[in-house]
């Protein structure tokens, strides 16, 4: 997934981006969680700095996130990796 960019004063600044590897660092987070709880979890669990930076980019309106899909809608579900052993 490409990083989103926004233009400010004729410069481009990279903003939040997710990869499967980065998002997987939040799989065991204490869902549902607020932005601050997720940042705290990421820091305590030793997640890469990119995860913490992405979480800091979230708008903080006191919202509770139920799953990683609330943060990154493109996060692959287990169904995306469904493997039917009977076919092989």
C-alpha atoms as a PDB file:
ATOM      1  CA  UNK A   1       0.000   0.000   0.000  1.00  0.00           C
ATOM      2  CA  UNK A   2       1.409   3.384  -0.949  1.00  0.00           C
ATOM      3  CA  UNK A   3       1.924   6.003   1.705  1.00  0.00           C
ATOM      4  CA  UNK A   4      -0.652   8.746   1.698  1.00  0.00           C
ATOM      5  CA  UNK A   5       0.783  12.194   1.168  1.00  0.00           C
ATOM      6  CA  UNK A   6      -0.478  15.640   1.882  1.00  0.00           C
ATOM      7  CA  UNK A   7       0.852  18.900   0.555  1.00  0.00           C
ATOM      8  CA  UNK A   8       1.734  21.727   2.879  1.00  0.00           C
ATOM      9  CA  UNK A   9       3.693  24.805   1.821  1.00  0.00           C
ATOM     10  CA  UNK A  10       4.704  23.199  -1.481  1.00  0.00           C
ATOM     11  CA  UNK A  11       6.246  20.169   0.227  1.00  0.00           C
ATOM     12  CA  UNK A  12       4.917  16.664   0.521  1.00  0.00           C
ATOM     13  CA  UNK A  13       4.813  14.923   3.871  1.00  0.00           C
ATOM     14  CA  UNK A  14       4.325  11.169   4.139  1.00  0.00           C
ATOM     15  CA  UNK A  15       1.508  10.246   6.455  1.00  0.00           C
ATOM     16  CA  UNK A  16       0.180   7.009   7.813  1.00  0.00           C
ATOM     17  CA  UNK A  17       0.883   3.851   5.867  1.00  0.00           C
ATOM     18  CA  UNK A  18       0.358   0.223   6.823  1.00  0.00           C
ATOM     19  CA  UNK A  19       1.887  -3.001   5.658  1.00  0.00           C
ATOM     20  CA  UNK A  20       0.869  -6.494   6.680  1.00  0.00           C
ATOM     21  CA  UNK A  21       3.997  -6.751   8.819  1.00  0.00           C
ATOM     22  CA  UNK A  22       3.313  -3.462  10.640  1.00  0.00           C
ATOM     23  CA  UNK A  23      -0.383  -4.126  11.174  1.00  0.00           C
ATOM     24  CA  UNK A  24       0.308  -7.638  12.459  1.00  0.00           C
ATOM     25  CA  UNK A  25       2.100  -6.068  15.439  1.00  0.00           C
ATOM     26  CA  UNK A  26      -1.351  -5.032  16.687  1.00  0.00           C
ATOM     27  CA  UNK A  27      -3.060  -8.423  16.324  1.00  0.00           C
ATOM     28  CA  UNK A  28      -2.730  -9.174  20.049  1.00  0.00           C
ATOM     29  CA  UNK A  29      -3.623  -5.647  21.164  1.00  0.00           C
ATOM     30  CA  UNK A  30      -6.318  -5.378  23.856  1.00  0.00           C
ATOM     31  CA  UNK A  31      -9.263  -4.793  21.491  1.00  0.00           C
ATOM     32  CA  UNK A  32     -11.419  -2.728  21.766  1.00  0.00           C
ATOM     33  CA  UNK A  33      -8.982   0.057  22.495  1.00  0.00           C
ATOM     34  CA  UNK A  34      -8.577   3.803  22.228  1.00  0.00           C
ATOM     35  CA  UNK A  35      -5.776   5.411  20.259  1.00  0.00           C
ATOM     36  CA  UNK A  36      -3.812   6.057  23.460  1.00  0.00           C
ATOM     37  CA  UNK A  37      -4.237   2.454  24.613  1.00  0.00           C
ATOM     38  CA  UNK A  38      -2.983   1.197  21.252  1.00  0.00           C
ATOM     39  CA  UNK A  39       0.049   3.501  21.383  1.00  0.00           C
ATOM     40  CA  UNK A  40       0.794   2.299  24.912  1.00  0.00           C
ATOM     41  CA  UNK A  41       0.458  -1.338  23.821  1.00  0.00           C
ATOM     42  CA  UNK A  42       2.703  -0.789  20.791  1.00  0.00           C
ATOM     43  CA  UNK A  43       5.388   0.833  22.928  1.00  0.00           C
ATOM     44  CA  UNK A  44       5.267  -1.859  25.625  1.00  0.00           C
ATOM     45  CA  UNK A  45       5.290  -4.706  23.091  1.00  0.00           C
ATOM     46  CA  UNK A  46       8.318  -3.337  21.231  1.00  0.00           C
ATOM     47  CA  UNK A  47       6.498  -2.619  17.979  1.00  0.00           C
ATOM     48  CA  UNK A  48       8.497  -0.785  15.298  1.00  0.00           C
ATOM     49  CA  UNK A  49       8.471   3.003  15.476  1.00  0.00           C
ATOM     50  CA  UNK A  50       6.435   3.101  12.242  1.00  0.00           C
ATOM     51  CA  UNK A  51       3.503   1.448  14.073  1.00  0.00           C
ATOM     52  CA  UNK A  52       3.624   4.047  16.849  1.00  0.00           C
ATOM     53  CA  UNK A  53       3.899   6.892  14.327  1.00  0.00           C
ATOM     54  CA  UNK A  54       0.916   5.521  12.377  1.00  0.00           C
ATOM     55  CA  UNK A  55      -1.162   5.325  15.536  1.00  0.00           C
ATOM     56  CA  UNK A  56      -0.206   8.893  16.433  1.00  0.00           C
ATOM     57  CA  UNK A  57      -1.525   9.981  13.014  1.00  0.00           C
ATOM     58  CA  UNK A  58      -5.019   8.704  13.875  1.00  0.00           C
ATOM     59  CA  UNK A  59      -7.538  11.389  14.723  1.00  0.00           C
ATOM     60  CA  UNK A  60      -8.135  11.274  18.455  1.00  0.00           C
ATOM     61  CA  UNK A  61     -11.772  11.940  19.163  1.00  0.00           C
ATOM     62  CA  UNK A  62     -11.950   9.536  22.090  1.00  0.00           C
ATOM     63  CA  UNK A  63     -13.056   6.884  19.634  1.00  0.00           C
ATOM     64  CA  UNK A  64     -12.717   3.202  20.492  1.00  0.00           C
ATOM     65  CA  UNK A  65     -11.367   0.914  17.786  1.00  0.00           C
ATOM     66  CA  UNK A  66     -12.872  -2.567  17.798  1.00  0.00           C
ATOM     67  CA  UNK A  67     -10.334  -4.291  15.505  1.00  0.00           C
ATOM     68  CA  UNK A  68      -7.348  -3.544  13.279  1.00  0.00           C
ATOM     69  CA  UNK A  69      -9.833  -3.255  10.385  1.00  0.00           C
ATOM     70  CA  UNK A  70     -11.141  -0.053  11.991  1.00  0.00           C
ATOM     71  CA  UNK A  71      -7.659   1.410  11.555  1.00  0.00           C
ATOM     72  CA  UNK A  72      -6.624  -0.260   8.300  1.00  0.00           C
ATOM     73  CA  UNK A  73      -9.695  -1.431   6.336  1.00  0.00           C
ATOM     74  CA  UNK A  74      -7.487  -3.340   3.870  1.00  0.00           C
ATOM     75  CA  UNK A  75      -6.112  -5.630   6.585  1.00  0.00           C
ATOM     76  CA  UNK A  76      -6.475  -9.176   5.238  1.00  0.00           C
ATOM     77  CA  UNK A  77      -8.871 -11.374   7.173  1.00  0.00           C
ATOM     78  CA  UNK A  78      -8.318 -15.049   7.872  1.00  0.00           C
ATOM     79  CA  UNK A  79     -10.760 -15.751   5.048  1.00  0.00           C
ATOM     80  CA  UNK A  80      -8.349 -14.063   2.623  1.00  0.00           C
ATOM     81  CA  UNK A  81      -5.858 -16.823   3.446  1.00  0.00           C
ATOM     82  CA  UNK A  82      -8.383 -19.655   3.327  1.00  0.00           C
ATOM     83  CA  UNK A  83      -6.757 -22.832   2.124  1.00  0.00           C
ATOM     84  CA  UNK A  84      -8.995 -25.761   1.376  1.00  0.00           C
ATOM     85  CA  UNK A  85      -6.896 -28.827   2.100  1.00  0.00           C
ATOM     86  CA  UNK A  86      -9.489 -31.079   0.457  1.00  0.00           C
ATOM     87  CA  UNK A  87      -8.725 -29.546  -2.933  1.00  0.00           C
ATOM     88  CA  UNK A  88      -5.106 -30.733  -2.853  1.00  0.00           C
END
